[in-house]
Structure formats: C-alpha cells, structure tokens
Amino acid sequence: MKNEIMKVLELVQEGELSNSEAAEILSALKEESEPALETSSYMSKSLKIIVDSDGDKVNVNLPLKLAKSLHSAIENIPAVQKHLAGVDMHLILEAIANNIEGPIVDIVSANDEKVKIVIE
C-alpha cells in the first residue's frame, strides 16, 4: 500500500491529480487494506468456559469476536493456565475459524474436576 500512496502523491505533485481526487483514491486504498468485519450470525455466539474445581465454580462467557481477538491474553491468565493445562488453545481458535458449534473441550478429572468449553 505504501507504493500506491507514494504514486498518488507523485501524481498530485506533477499536477495530474487534484487534492480531492487524491483524497478519494487514498480513502479507497485505506478501505481495501482494512480487514472486513465478520458480521455472520456465527460471530455473535459465545465461547463459554465452565470450570467446577475444588468447590470453585467459574463460568466465563465471551463473545466469539472478543475471544478471537484476545486469545493470546486469555492464555496468559494464571487461572486459565491452571485449569486448562494441556488444552490446545489453537484447537479452540481453529474451531472458531471453522464455525464449529457445541462442546469443544469436555474434561472430567479423577478428582471430579470438570472443565467444559462450548461454543453456543
């Protein structure tokens, strides 16, 4: 995109484009470079993380849009690391990318600790 901007500026300097024409072209270039927002109904669903461990109950509901954009931050939360050790977060992101619905992770340990990750 940098080359296209430079070319537009050169055309303005040479007098081949007016300022308003250049502004329209630059605006169009900017729109092309911005990623399209995902507006499907799937992205309006939630990633639900349910943990039942040692009497503690945790229910986290994240909109898929937020979960998709914050996945690296979520992985670094100590409570998540503790209860989701061994869970492949990239698998969950892959499920989101492929519009999978329903249970993604369903773990019951020998101590009856439960972890569920569901997209609904």
PDB file of N, CA and C in Angstrom:
ATOM      1  N   MET A   1       0.825  -1.185   0.000  1.00  0.00           N
ATOM      2  CA  MET A   1       0.000   0.000   0.000  1.00  0.00           C
ATOM      3  C   MET A   1       0.871   1.250   0.000  1.00  0.00           C
ATOM      4  N   LYS A   2       2.042   1.162   0.602  1.00  0.00           N
ATOM      5  CA  LYS A   2       2.932   2.315   0.669  1.00  0.00           C
ATOM      6  C   LYS A   2       3.298   2.814  -0.729  1.00  0.00           C
ATOM      7  N   ASN A   3       3.550   1.880  -1.648  1.00  0.00           N
ATOM      8  CA  ASN A   3       3.888   2.262  -3.022  1.00  0.00           C
ATOM      9  C   ASN A   3       2.736   3.004  -3.702  1.00  0.00           C
ATOM     10  N   GLU A   4       1.506   2.533  -3.463  1.00  0.00           N
ATOM     11  CA  GLU A   4       0.341   3.191  -4.062  1.00  0.00           C
ATOM     12  C   GLU A   4       0.188   4.612  -3.530  1.00  0.00           C
ATOM     13  N   ILE A   5       0.417   4.793  -2.241  1.00  0.00           N
ATOM     14  CA  ILE A   5       0.316   6.140  -1.645  1.00  0.00           C
ATOM     15  C   ILE A   5       1.369   7.061  -2.248  1.00  0.00           C
ATOM     16  N   MET A   6       2.583   6.545  -2.367  1.00  0.00           N
ATOM     17  CA  MET A   6       3.664   7.356  -2.960  1.00  0.00           C
ATOM     18  C   MET A   6       3.325   7.752  -4.392  1.00  0.00           C
ATOM     19  N   LYS A   7       2.748   6.830  -5.149  1.00  0.00           N
ATOM     20  CA  LYS A   7       2.382   7.116  -6.533  1.00  0.00           C
ATOM     21  C   LYS A   7       1.310   8.203  -6.591  1.00  0.00           C
ATOM     22  N   VAL A   8       0.322   8.131  -5.714  1.00  0.00           N
ATOM     23  CA  VAL A   8      -0.731   9.154  -5.667  1.00  0.00           C
ATOM     24  C   VAL A   8      -0.125  10.508  -5.330  1.00  0.00           C
ATOM     25  N   LEU A   9       0.800  10.547  -4.374  1.00  0.00           N
ATOM     26  CA  LEU A   9       1.438  11.815  -4.007  1.00  0.00           C
ATOM     27  C   LEU A   9       2.261  12.375  -5.162  1.00  0.00           C
ATOM     28  N   GLU A  10       2.930  11.503  -5.898  1.00  0.00           N
ATOM     29  CA  GLU A  10       3.690  11.948  -7.071  1.00  0.00           C
ATOM     30  C   GLU A  10       2.768  12.550  -8.122  1.00  0.00           C
ATOM     31  N   LEU A  11       1.624  11.926  -8.344  1.00  0.00           N
ATOM     32  CA  LEU A  11       0.667  12.432  -9.336  1.00  0.00           C
ATOM     33  C   LEU A  11       0.107  13.798  -8.920  1.00  0.00           C
ATOM     34  N   VAL A  12      -0.068  13.994  -7.620  1.00  0.00           N
ATOM     35  CA  VAL A  12      -0.522  15.307  -7.129  1.00  0.00           C
ATOM     36  C   VAL A  12       0.561  16.351  -7.370  1.00  0.00           C
ATOM     37  N   GLN A  13       1.814  15.999  -7.063  1.00  0.00           N
ATOM     38  CA  GLN A  13       2.930  16.934  -7.262  1.00  0.00           C
ATOM     39  C   GLN A  13       3.088  17.301  -8.737  1.00  0.00           C
ATOM     40  N   GLU A  14       2.859  16.343  -9.613  1.00  0.00           N
ATOM     41  CA  GLU A  14       3.002  16.588 -11.050  1.00  0.00           C
ATOM     42  C   GLU A  14       1.789  17.305 -11.630  1.00  0.00           C
ATOM     43  N   GLY A  15       0.752  17.498 -10.814  1.00  0.00           N
ATOM     44  CA  GLY A  15      -0.438  18.197 -11.285  1.00  0.00           C
ATOM     45  C   GLY A  15      -1.404  17.325 -12.055  1.00  0.00           C
ATOM     46  N   GLU A  16      -1.188  16.031 -12.061  1.00  0.00           N
ATOM     47  CA  GLU A  16      -2.068  15.123 -12.795  1.00  0.00           C
ATOM     48  C   GLU A  16      -3.304  14.724 -11.982  1.00  0.00           C
ATOM     49  N   LEU A  17      -3.250  14.952 -10.676  1.00  0.00           N
ATOM     50  CA  LEU A  17      -4.394  14.697  -9.797  1.00  0.00           C
ATOM     51  C   LEU A  17      -4.622  15.909  -8.917  1.00  0.00           C
ATOM     52  N   SER A  18      -5.908  16.206  -8.680  1.00  0.00           N
ATOM     53  CA  SER A  18      -6.222  17.284  -7.730  1.00  0.00           C
ATOM     54  C   SER A  18      -6.165  16.707  -6.317  1.00  0.00           C
ATOM     55  N   ASN A  19      -6.157  17.596  -5.344  1.00  0.00           N
ATOM     56  CA  ASN A  19      -6.141  17.146  -3.945  1.00  0.00           C
ATOM     57  C   ASN A  19      -7.372  16.314  -3.619  1.00  0.00           C
ATOM     58  N   SER A  20      -8.535  16.722  -4.118  1.00  0.00           N
ATOM     59  CA  SER A  20      -9.763  15.981  -3.817  1.00  0.00           C
ATOM     60  C   SER A  20      -9.758  14.603  -4.487  1.00  0.00           C
ATOM     61  N   GLU A  21      -9.232  14.522  -5.720  1.00  0.00           N
ATOM     62  CA  GLU A  21      -9.124  13.222  -6.382  1.00  0.00           C
ATOM     63  C   GLU A  21      -8.175  12.297  -5.605  1.00  0.00           C
ATOM     64  N   ALA A  22      -7.074  12.864  -5.159  1.00  0.00           N
ATOM     65  CA  ALA A  22      -6.103  12.079  -4.395  1.00  0.00           C
ATOM     66  C   ALA A  22      -6.725  11.590  -3.086  1.00  0.00           C
ATOM     67  N   ALA A  23      -7.510  12.451  -2.433  1.00  0.00           N
ATOM     68  CA  ALA A  23      -8.163  12.065  -1.175  1.00  0.00           C
ATOM     69  C   ALA A  23      -9.117  10.898  -1.401  1.00  0.00           C
ATOM     70  N   GLU A  24      -9.855  10.915  -2.509  1.00  0.00           N
ATOM     71  CA  GLU A  24     -10.777   9.820  -2.811  1.00  0.00           C
ATOM     72  C   GLU A  24     -10.022   8.507  -3.042  1.00  0.00           C
ATOM     73  N   ILE A  25      -8.926   8.603  -3.782  1.00  0.00           N
ATOM     74  CA  ILE A  25      -8.129   7.399  -4.062  1.00  0.00           C
ATOM     75  C   ILE A  25      -7.527   6.845  -2.777  1.00  0.00           C
ATOM     76  N   LEU A  26      -6.970   7.731  -1.941  1.00  0.00           N
ATOM     77  CA  LEU A  26      -6.373   7.281  -0.683  1.00  0.00           C
ATOM     78  C   LEU A  26      -7.421   6.670   0.242  1.00  0.00           C
ATOM     79  N   SER A  27      -8.618   7.232   0.241  1.00  0.00           N
ATOM     80  CA  SER A  27      -9.698   6.681   1.052  1.00  0.00           C
ATOM     81  C   SER A  27     -10.063   5.281   0.576  1.00  0.00           C
ATOM     82  N   ALA A  28     -10.132   5.095  -0.739  1.00  0.00           N
ATOM     83  CA  ALA A  28     -10.440   3.774  -1.306  1.00  0.00           C
ATOM     84  C   ALA A  28      -9.332   2.776  -0.971  1.00  0.00           C
ATOM     85  N   LEU A  29      -8.084   3.215  -1.046  1.00  0.00           N
ATOM     86  CA  LEU A  29      -6.966   2.329  -0.701  1.00  0.00           C
ATOM     87  C   LEU A  29      -7.034   1.899   0.757  1.00  0.00           C
ATOM     88  N   LYS A  30      -7.397   2.837   1.625  1.00  0.00           N
ATOM     89  CA  LYS A  30      -7.498   2.529   3.047  1.00  0.00           C
ATOM     90  C   LYS A  30      -8.597   1.501   3.298  1.00  0.00           C
ATOM     91  N   GLU A  31      -9.740   1.654   2.637  1.00  0.00           N
ATOM     92  CA  GLU A  31     -10.846   0.714   2.813  1.00  0.00           C
ATOM     93  C   GLU A  31     -10.451  -0.679   2.339  1.00  0.00           C
ATOM     94  N   GLU A  32      -9.683  -0.766   1.253  1.00  0.00           N
ATOM     95  CA  GLU A  32      -9.254  -2.064   0.744  1.00  0.00           C
ATOM     96  C   GLU A  32      -8.294  -2.762   1.702  1.00  0.00           C
ATOM     97  N   SER A  33      -7.465  -1.974   2.381  1.00  0.00           N
ATOM     98  CA  SER A  33      -6.461  -2.578   3.252  1.00  0.00           C
ATOM     99  C   SER A  33      -7.013  -2.987   4.607  1.00  0.00           C
ATOM    100  N   GLU A  34      -8.174  -2.436   5.015  1.00  0.00           N
ATOM    101  CA  GLU A  34      -8.753  -2.785   6.305  1.00  0.00           C
ATOM    102  C   GLU A  34      -9.476  -4.121   6.199  1.00  0.00           C
ATOM    103  N   PRO A  35      -9.280  -5.009   7.176  1.00  0.00           N
ATOM    104  CA  PRO A  35      -9.969  -6.300   7.122  1.00  0.00           C
ATOM    105  C   PRO A  35     -11.471  -6.104   7.276  1.00  0.00           C
ATOM    106  N   ALA A  36     -12.216  -6.897   6.550  1.00  0.00           N
ATOM    107  CA  ALA A  36     -13.673  -6.826   6.630  1.00  0.00           C
ATOM    108  C   ALA A  36     -14.125  -7.343   7.986  1.00  0.00           C
ATOM    109  N   LEU A  37     -15.122  -6.698   8.567  1.00  0.00           N
ATOM    110  CA  LEU A  37     -15.674  -7.163   9.834  1.00  0.00           C
ATOM    111  C   LEU A  37     -16.512  -8.406   9.591  1.00  0.00           C
ATOM    112  N   GLU A  38     -16.389  -9.358  10.490  1.00  0.00           N
ATOM    113  CA  GLU A  38     -17.174 -10.568  10.367  1.00  0.00           C
ATOM    114  C   GLU A  38     -18.547 -10.290  10.965  1.00  0.00           C
ATOM    115  N   THR A  39     -19.558 -10.305  10.126  1.00  0.00           N
ATOM    116  CA  THR A  39     -20.891  -9.957  10.591  1.00  0.00           C
ATOM    117  C   THR A  39     -21.827 -11.158  10.593  1.00  0.00           C
ATOM    118  N   SER A  40     -21.288 -12.342  10.381  1.00  0.00           N
ATOM    119  CA  SER A  40     -22.153 -13.516  10.345  1.00  0.00           C
ATOM    120  C   SER A  40     -22.784 -13.736  11.712  1.00  0.00           C
ATOM    121  N   SER A  41     -23.898 -14.431  11.704  1.00  0.00           N
ATOM    122  CA  SER A  41     -24.559 -14.731  12.977  1.00  0.00           C
ATOM    123  C   SER A  41     -23.684 -15.616  13.854  1.00  0.00           C
ATOM    124  N   TYR A  42     -22.805 -16.394  13.226  1.00  0.00           N
ATOM    125  CA  TYR A  42     -21.909 -17.253  13.993  1.00  0.00           C
ATOM    126  C   TYR A  42     -21.046 -16.421  14.936  1.00  0.00           C
ATOM    127  N   MET A  43     -20.521 -15.306  14.468  1.00  0.00           N
ATOM    128  CA  MET A  43     -19.636 -14.485  15.303  1.00  0.00           C
ATOM    129  C   MET A  43     -20.390 -13.785  16.429  1.00  0.00           C
ATOM    130  N   SER A  44     -21.726 -13.855  16.431  1.00  0.00           N
ATOM    131  CA  SER A  44     -22.483 -13.274  17.539  1.00  0.00           C
ATOM    132  C   SER A  44     -22.660 -14.292  18.675  1.00  0.00           C
ATOM    133  N   LYS A  45     -22.173 -15.503  18.489  1.00  0.00           N
ATOM    134  CA  LYS A  45     -22.268 -16.538  19.519  1.00  0.00           C
ATOM    135  C   LYS A  45     -21.189 -16.313  20.594  1.00  0.00           C
ATOM    136  N   SER A  46     -21.210 -17.149  21.613  1.00  0.00           N
ATOM    137  CA  SER A  46     -20.266 -17.002  22.725  1.00  0.00           C
ATOM    138  C   SER A  46     -19.412 -18.245  22.911  1.00  0.00           C
ATOM    139  N   LEU A  47     -18.209 -18.006  23.406  1.00  0.00           N
ATOM    140  CA  LEU A  47     -17.323 -19.070  23.856  1.00  0.00           C
ATOM    141  C   LEU A  47     -17.543 -19.163  25.361  1.00  0.00           C
ATOM    142  N   LYS A  48     -18.020 -20.314  25.820  1.00  0.00           N
ATOM    143  CA  LYS A  48     -18.329 -20.489  27.235  1.00  0.00           C
ATOM    144  C   LYS A  48     -17.295 -21.427  27.850  1.00  0.00           C
ATOM    145  N   ILE A  49     -16.690 -20.962  28.929  1.00  0.00           N
ATOM    146  CA  ILE A  49     -15.714 -21.756  29.664  1.00  0.00           C
ATOM    147  C   ILE A  49     -16.310 -22.008  31.045  1.00  0.00           C
ATOM    148  N   ILE A  50     -16.497 -23.284  31.385  1.00  0.00           N
ATOM    149  CA  ILE A  50     -17.128 -23.665  32.643  1.00  0.00           C
ATOM    150  C   ILE A  50     -16.143 -24.543  33.410  1.00  0.00           C
ATOM    151  N   VAL A  51     -15.798 -24.099  34.623  1.00  0.00           N
ATOM    152  CA  VAL A  51     -14.854 -24.844  35.458  1.00  0.00           C
ATOM    153  C   VAL A  51     -15.523 -25.124  36.791  1.00  0.00           C
ATOM    154  N   ASP A  52     -15.501 -26.397  37.215  1.00  0.00           N
ATOM    155  CA  ASP A  52     -16.009 -26.813  38.524  1.00  0.00           C
ATOM    156  C   ASP A  52     -14.878 -27.586  39.182  1.00  0.00           C
ATOM    157  N   SER A  53     -14.147 -26.901  40.096  1.00  0.00           N
ATOM    158  CA  SER A  53     -12.940 -27.485  40.667  1.00  0.00           C
ATOM    159  C   SER A  53     -12.836 -27.160  42.143  1.00  0.00           C
ATOM    160  N   ASP A  54     -12.668 -28.179  42.969  1.00  0.00           N
ATOM    161  CA  ASP A  54     -12.471 -27.994  44.406  1.00  0.00           C
ATOM    162  C   ASP A  54     -13.501 -27.049  45.025  1.00  0.00           C
ATOM    163  N   GLY A  55     -14.743 -27.174  44.633  1.00  0.00           N
ATOM    164  CA  GLY A  55     -15.787 -26.315  45.173  1.00  0.00           C
ATOM    165  C   GLY A  55     -15.877 -24.964  44.497  1.00  0.00           C
ATOM    166  N   ASP A  56     -14.888 -24.609  43.679  1.00  0.00           N
ATOM    167  CA  ASP A  56     -14.945 -23.351  42.938  1.00  0.00           C
ATOM    168  C   ASP A  56     -15.692 -23.576  41.632  1.00  0.00           C
ATOM    169  N   LYS A  57     -16.560 -22.649  41.317  1.00  0.00           N
ATOM    170  CA  LYS A  57     -17.276 -22.723  40.055  1.00  0.00           C
ATOM    171  C   LYS A  57     -17.017 -21.434  39.291  1.00  0.00           C
ATOM    172  N   VAL A  58     -16.571 -21.592  38.064  1.00  0.00           N
ATOM    173  CA  VAL A  58     -16.267 -20.442  37.225  1.00  0.00           C
ATOM    174  C   VAL A  58     -17.035 -20.600  35.922  1.00  0.00           C
ATOM    175  N   ASN A  59     -17.764 -19.575  35.549  1.00  0.00           N
ATOM    176  CA  ASN A  59     -18.461 -19.540  34.272  1.00  0.00           C
ATOM    177  C   ASN A  59     -18.043 -18.269  33.552  1.00  0.00           C
ATOM    178  N   VAL A  60     -17.413 -18.444  32.417  1.00  0.00           N
ATOM    179  CA  VAL A  60     -16.972 -17.298  31.616  1.00  0.00           C
ATOM    180  C   VAL A  60     -17.677 -17.378  30.271  1.00  0.00           C
ATOM    181  N   ASN A  61     -18.330 -16.306  29.892  1.00  0.00           N
ATOM    182  CA  ASN A  61     -18.973 -16.225  28.588  1.00  0.00           C
ATOM    183  C   ASN A  61     -18.334 -15.080  27.818  1.00  0.00           C
ATOM    184  N   LEU A  62     -17.669 -15.428  26.732  1.00  0.00           N
ATOM    185  CA  LEU A  62     -17.020 -14.409  25.909  1.00  0.00           C
ATOM    186  C   LEU A  62     -17.638 -14.406  24.520  1.00  0.00           C
ATOM    187  N   PRO A  63     -18.003 -13.249  24.013  1.00  0.00           N
ATOM    188  CA  PRO A  63     -18.427 -13.203  22.609  1.00  0.00           C
ATOM    189  C   PRO A  63     -17.283 -13.727  21.740  1.00  0.00           C
ATOM    190  N   LEU A  64     -17.605 -14.498  20.701  1.00  0.00           N
ATOM    191  CA  LEU A  64     -16.563 -15.073  19.854  1.00  0.00           C
ATOM    192  C   LEU A  64     -15.651 -14.006  19.274  1.00  0.00           C
ATOM    193  N   LYS A  65     -16.216 -12.845  18.930  1.00  0.00           N
ATOM    194  CA  LYS A  65     -15.380 -11.770  18.384  1.00  0.00           C
ATOM    195  C   LYS A  65     -14.296 -11.393  19.380  1.00  0.00           C
ATOM    196  N   LEU A  66     -14.661 -11.293  20.644  1.00  0.00           N
ATOM    197  CA  LEU A  66     -13.700 -10.921  21.683  1.00  0.00           C
ATOM    198  C   LEU A  66     -12.707 -12.055  21.929  1.00  0.00           C
ATOM    199  N   ALA A  67     -13.197 -13.278  22.016  1.00  0.00           N
ATOM    200  CA  ALA A  67     -12.310 -14.423  22.253  1.00  0.00           C
ATOM    201  C   ALA A  67     -11.293 -14.553  21.131  1.00  0.00           C
ATOM    202  N   LYS A  68     -11.727 -14.324  19.924  1.00  0.00           N
ATOM    203  CA  LYS A  68     -10.827 -14.449  18.774  1.00  0.00           C
ATOM    204  C   LYS A  68      -9.732 -13.391  18.830  1.00  0.00           C
ATOM    205  N   SER A  69     -10.081 -12.188  19.242  1.00  0.00           N
ATOM    206  CA  SER A  69      -9.086 -11.116  19.252  1.00  0.00           C
ATOM    207  C   SER A  69      -8.205 -11.134  20.499  1.00  0.00           C
ATOM    208  N   LEU A  70      -8.652 -11.758  21.571  1.00  0.00           N
ATOM    209  CA  LEU A  70      -7.893 -11.744  22.830  1.00  0.00           C
ATOM    210  C   LEU A  70      -7.277 -13.087  23.190  1.00  0.00           C
ATOM    211  N   HIS A  71      -7.177 -14.015  22.235  1.00  0.00           N
ATOM    212  CA  HIS A  71      -6.751 -15.360  22.588  1.00  0.00           C
ATOM    213  C   HIS A  71      -5.391 -15.406  23.272  1.00  0.00           C
ATOM    214  N   SER A  72      -4.441 -14.597  22.857  1.00  0.00           N
ATOM    215  CA  SER A  72      -3.118 -14.664  23.491  1.00  0.00           C
ATOM    216  C   SER A  72      -3.171 -14.143  24.926  1.00  0.00           C
ATOM    217  N   ALA A  73      -4.011 -13.140  25.177  1.00  0.00           N
ATOM    218  CA  ALA A  73      -4.144 -12.626  26.537  1.00  0.00           C
ATOM    219  C   ALA A  73      -4.839 -13.654  27.432  1.00  0.00           C
ATOM    220  N   ILE A  74      -5.831 -14.350  26.890  1.00  0.00           N
ATOM    221  CA  ILE A  74      -6.562 -15.351  27.662  1.00  0.00           C
ATOM    222  C   ILE A  74      -5.632 -16.477  28.087  1.00  0.00           C
ATOM    223  N   GLU A  75      -4.751 -16.893  27.191  1.00  0.00           N
ATOM    224  CA  GLU A  75      -3.822 -17.985  27.504  1.00  0.00           C
ATOM    225  C   GLU A  75      -2.902 -17.641  28.665  1.00  0.00           C
ATOM    226  N   ASN A  76      -2.644 -16.362  28.909  1.00  0.00           N
ATOM    227  CA  ASN A  76      -1.682 -15.951  29.927  1.00  0.00           C
ATOM    228  C   ASN A  76      -2.305 -15.655  31.288  1.00  0.00           C
ATOM    229  N   ILE A  77      -3.604 -15.861  31.443  1.00  0.00           N
ATOM    230  CA  ILE A  77      -4.256 -15.662  32.735  1.00  0.00           C
ATOM    231  C   ILE A  77      -3.945 -16.887  33.608  1.00  0.00           C
ATOM    232  N   PRO A  78      -3.372 -16.672  34.811  1.00  0.00           N
ATOM    233  CA  PRO A  78      -2.956 -17.802  35.650  1.00  0.00           C
ATOM    234  C   PRO A  78      -4.058 -18.831  35.904  1.00  0.00           C
ATOM    235  N   ALA A  79      -5.284 -18.389  36.181  1.00  0.00           N
ATOM    236  CA  ALA A  79      -6.370 -19.344  36.443  1.00  0.00           C
ATOM    237  C   ALA A  79      -6.663 -20.188  35.210  1.00  0.00           C
ATOM    238  N   VAL A  80      -6.573 -19.590  34.061  1.00  0.00           N
ATOM    239  CA  VAL A  80      -6.798 -20.330  32.817  1.00  0.00           C
ATOM    240  C   VAL A  80      -5.675 -21.336  32.625  1.00  0.00           C
ATOM    241  N   GLN A  81      -4.446 -20.919  32.858  1.00  0.00           N
ATOM    242  CA  GLN A  81      -3.303 -21.828  32.714  1.00  0.00           C
ATOM    243  C   GLN A  81      -3.442 -23.023  33.655  1.00  0.00           C
ATOM    244  N   LYS A  82      -3.894 -22.759  34.896  1.00  0.00           N
ATOM    245  CA  LYS A  82      -4.023 -23.820  35.890  1.00  0.00           C
ATOM    246  C   LYS A  82      -5.062 -24.856  35.469  1.00  0.00           C
ATOM    247  N   HIS A  83      -6.246 -24.391  35.065  1.00  0.00           N
ATOM    248  CA  HIS A  83      -7.346 -25.306  34.790  1.00  0.00           C
ATOM    249  C   HIS A  83      -7.351 -25.844  33.360  1.00  0.00           C
ATOM    250  N   LEU A  84      -6.677 -25.161  32.469  1.00  0.00           N
ATOM    251  CA  LEU A  84      -6.688 -25.605  31.068  1.00  0.00           C
ATOM    252  C   LEU A  84      -5.332 -26.143  30.633  1.00  0.00           C
ATOM    253  N   ALA A  85      -4.520 -26.566  31.598  1.00  0.00           N
ATOM    254  CA  ALA A  85      -3.220 -27.143  31.247  1.00  0.00           C
ATOM    255  C   ALA A  85      -3.454 -28.335  30.326  1.00  0.00           C
ATOM    256  N   GLY A  86      -2.751 -28.345  29.237  1.00  0.00           N
ATOM    257  CA  GLY A  86      -2.895 -29.437  28.284  1.00  0.00           C
ATOM    258  C   GLY A  86      -3.953 -29.198  27.220  1.00  0.00           C
ATOM    259  N   VAL A  87      -4.759 -28.155  27.372  1.00  0.00           N
ATOM    260  CA  VAL A  87      -5.771 -27.840  26.359  1.00  0.00           C
ATOM    261  C   VAL A  87      -5.103 -27.026  25.258  1.00  0.00           C
ATOM    262  N   ASP A  88      -5.286 -27.449  24.050  1.00  0.00           N
ATOM    263  CA  ASP A  88      -4.694 -26.764  22.909  1.00  0.00           C
ATOM    264  C   ASP A  88      -5.571 -25.573  22.515  1.00  0.00           C
ATOM    265  N   MET A  89      -5.169 -24.360  22.909  1.00  0.00           N
ATOM    266  CA  MET A  89      -5.949 -23.153  22.604  1.00  0.00           C
ATOM    267  C   MET A  89      -6.046 -22.926  21.100  1.00  0.00           C
ATOM    268  N   HIS A  90      -5.035 -23.386  20.370  1.00  0.00           N
ATOM    269  CA  HIS A  90      -5.081 -23.224  18.920  1.00  0.00           C
ATOM    270  C   HIS A  90      -6.193 -24.078  18.311  1.00  0.00           C
ATOM    271  N   LEU A  91      -6.493 -25.200  18.940  1.00  0.00           N
ATOM    272  CA  LEU A  91      -7.602 -26.033  18.505  1.00  0.00           C
ATOM    273  C   LEU A  91      -8.925 -25.285  18.672  1.00  0.00           C
ATOM    274  N   ILE A  92      -9.052 -24.567  19.779  1.00  0.00           N
ATOM    275  CA  ILE A  92     -10.259 -23.775  20.025  1.00  0.00           C
ATOM    276  C   ILE A  92     -10.377 -22.663  18.992  1.00  0.00           C
ATOM    277  N   LEU A  93      -9.267 -21.992  18.712  1.00  0.00           N
ATOM    278  CA  LEU A  93      -9.286 -20.938  17.692  1.00  0.00           C
ATOM    279  C   LEU A  93      -9.617 -21.512  16.321  1.00  0.00           C
ATOM    280  N   GLU A  94      -9.132 -22.703  16.047  1.00  0.00           N
ATOM    281  CA  GLU A  94      -9.443 -23.369  14.785  1.00  0.00           C
ATOM    282  C   GLU A  94     -10.937 -23.679  14.714  1.00  0.00           C
ATOM    283  N   ALA A  95     -11.519 -24.093  15.832  1.00  0.00           N
ATOM    284  CA  ALA A  95     -12.966 -24.351  15.874  1.00  0.00           C
ATOM    285  C   ALA A  95     -13.745 -23.077  15.572  1.00  0.00           C
ATOM    286  N   ILE A  96     -13.291 -21.958  16.134  1.00  0.00           N
ATOM    287  CA  ILE A  96     -13.947 -20.677  15.867  1.00  0.00           C
ATOM    288  C   ILE A  96     -13.819 -20.325  14.390  1.00  0.00           C
ATOM    289  N   ALA A  97     -12.623 -20.492  13.847  1.00  0.00           N
ATOM    290  CA  ALA A  97     -12.388 -20.154  12.439  1.00  0.00           C
ATOM    291  C   ALA A  97     -13.237 -21.002  11.500  1.00  0.00           C
ATOM    292  N   ASN A  98     -13.560 -22.240  11.928  1.00  0.00           N
ATOM    293  CA  ASN A  98     -14.336 -23.146  11.078  1.00  0.00           C
ATOM    294  C   ASN A  98     -15.816 -23.207  11.449  1.00  0.00           C
ATOM    295  N   ASN A  99     -16.280 -22.226  12.218  1.00  0.00           N
ATOM    296  CA  ASN A  99     -17.702 -22.105  12.584  1.00  0.00           C
ATOM    297  C   ASN A  99     -18.264 -23.350  13.278  1.00  0.00           C
ATOM    298  N   ILE A 100     -17.458 -23.980  14.116  1.00  0.00           N
ATOM    299  CA  ILE A 100     -17.905 -25.157  14.860  1.00  0.00           C
ATOM    300  C   ILE A 100     -18.775 -24.696  16.023  1.00  0.00           C
ATOM    301  N   GLU A 101     -19.836 -25.442  16.307  1.00  0.00           N
ATOM    302  CA  GLU A 101     -20.704 -25.145  17.450  1.00  0.00           C
ATOM    303  C   GLU A 101     -20.763 -26.358  18.369  1.00  0.00           C
ATOM    304  N   GLY A 102     -21.108 -26.100  19.619  1.00  0.00           N
ATOM    305  CA  GLY A 102     -21.247 -27.190  20.581  1.00  0.00           C
ATOM    306  C   GLY A 102     -20.009 -27.346  21.433  1.00  0.00           C
ATOM    307  N   PRO A 103     -19.889 -28.497  22.126  1.00  0.00           N
ATOM    308  CA  PRO A 103     -18.751 -28.717  23.027  1.00  0.00           C
ATOM    309  C   PRO A 103     -17.445 -28.854  22.254  1.00  0.00           C
ATOM    310  N   ILE A 104     -16.426 -28.143  22.718  1.00  0.00           N
ATOM    311  CA  ILE A 104     -15.092 -28.218  22.121  1.00  0.00           C
ATOM    312  C   ILE A 104     -14.184 -29.022  23.050  1.00  0.00           C
ATOM    313  N   VAL A 105     -14.284 -28.747  24.349  1.00  0.00           N
ATOM    314  CA  VAL A 105     -13.489 -29.451  25.360  1.00  0.00           C
ATOM    315  C   VAL A 105     -14.455 -29.891  26.459  1.00  0.00           C
ATOM    316  N   ASP A 106     -14.339 -31.146  26.888  1.00  0.00           N
ATOM    317  CA  ASP A 106     -15.161 -31.668  27.981  1.00  0.00           C
ATOM    318  C   ASP A 106     -14.283 -32.621  28.786  1.00  0.00           C
ATOM    319  N   ILE A 107     -13.754 -32.112  29.906  1.00  0.00           N
ATOM    320  CA  ILE A 107     -12.793 -32.869  30.710  1.00  0.00           C
ATOM    321  C   ILE A 107     -13.374 -33.107  32.102  1.00  0.00           C
ATOM    322  N   VAL A 108     -13.256 -34.347  32.580  1.00  0.00           N
ATOM    323  CA  VAL A 108     -13.585 -34.680  33.967  1.00  0.00           C
ATOM    324  C   VAL A 108     -12.370 -35.423  34.511  1.00  0.00           C
ATOM    325  N   SER A 109     -11.748 -34.838  35.538  1.00  0.00           N
ATOM    326  CA  SER A 109     -10.540 -35.451  36.101  1.00  0.00           C
ATOM    327  C   SER A 109     -10.912 -36.533  37.116  1.00  0.00           C
ATOM    328  N   ALA A 110      -9.902 -37.246  37.603  1.00  0.00           N
ATOM    329  CA  ALA A 110     -10.112 -38.280  38.617  1.00  0.00           C
ATOM    330  C   ALA A 110     -10.656 -37.678  39.915  1.00  0.00           C
ATOM    331  N   ASN A 111     -10.362 -36.403  40.157  1.00  0.00           N
ATOM    332  CA  ASN A 111     -10.845 -35.710  41.370  1.00  0.00           C
ATOM    333  C   ASN A 111     -12.222 -35.100  41.150  1.00  0.00           C
ATOM    334  N   ASP A 112     -12.868 -35.452  40.047  1.00  0.00           N
ATOM    335  CA  ASP A 112     -14.185 -34.934  39.663  1.00  0.00           C
ATOM    336  C   ASP A 112     -14.156 -33.433  39.352  1.00  0.00           C
ATOM    337  N   GLU A 113     -12.982 -32.907  38.983  1.00  0.00           N
ATOM    338  CA  GLU A 113     -12.906 -31.531  38.499  1.00  0.00           C
ATOM    339  C   GLU A 113     -13.375 -31.528  37.056  1.00  0.00           C
ATOM    340  N   LYS A 114     -14.152 -30.530  36.693  1.00  0.00           N
ATOM    341  CA  LYS A 114     -14.731 -30.500  35.357  1.00  0.00           C
ATOM    342  C   LYS A 114     -14.369 -29.200  34.639  1.00  0.00           C
ATOM    343  N   VAL A 115     -14.043 -29.351  33.373  1.00  0.00           N
ATOM    344  CA  VAL A 115     -13.774 -28.200  32.515  1.00  0.00           C
ATOM    345  C   VAL A 115     -14.534 -28.438  31.217  1.00  0.00           C
ATOM    346  N   LYS A 116     -15.339 -27.468  30.837  1.00  0.00           N
ATOM    347  CA  LYS A 116     -16.053 -27.534  29.560  1.00  0.00           C
ATOM    348  C   LYS A 116     -15.817 -26.239  28.810  1.00  0.00           C
ATOM    349  N   ILE A 117     -15.605 -26.378  27.518  1.00  0.00           N
ATOM    350  CA  ILE A 117     -15.544 -25.216  26.644  1.00  0.00           C
ATOM    351  C   ILE A 117     -16.541 -25.486  25.529  1.00  0.00           C
ATOM    352  N   VAL A 118     -17.472 -24.562  25.374  1.00  0.00           N
ATOM    353  CA  VAL A 118     -18.580 -24.747  24.445  1.00  0.00           C
ATOM    354  C   VAL A 118     -18.758 -23.480  23.618  1.00  0.00           C
ATOM    355  N   ILE A 119     -19.110 -23.664  22.357  1.00  0.00           N
ATOM    356  CA  ILE A 119     -19.488 -22.524  21.517  1.00  0.00           C
ATOM    357  C   ILE A 119     -20.988 -22.625  21.277  1.00  0.00           C
ATOM    358  N   GLU A 120     -21.715 -21.612  21.734  1.00  0.00           N
ATOM    359  CA  GLU A 120     -23.164 -21.582  21.510  1.00  0.00           C
ATOM    360  C   GLU A 120     -23.671 -20.160  21.415  1.00  0.00           C
TER     361      GLU A 120
END
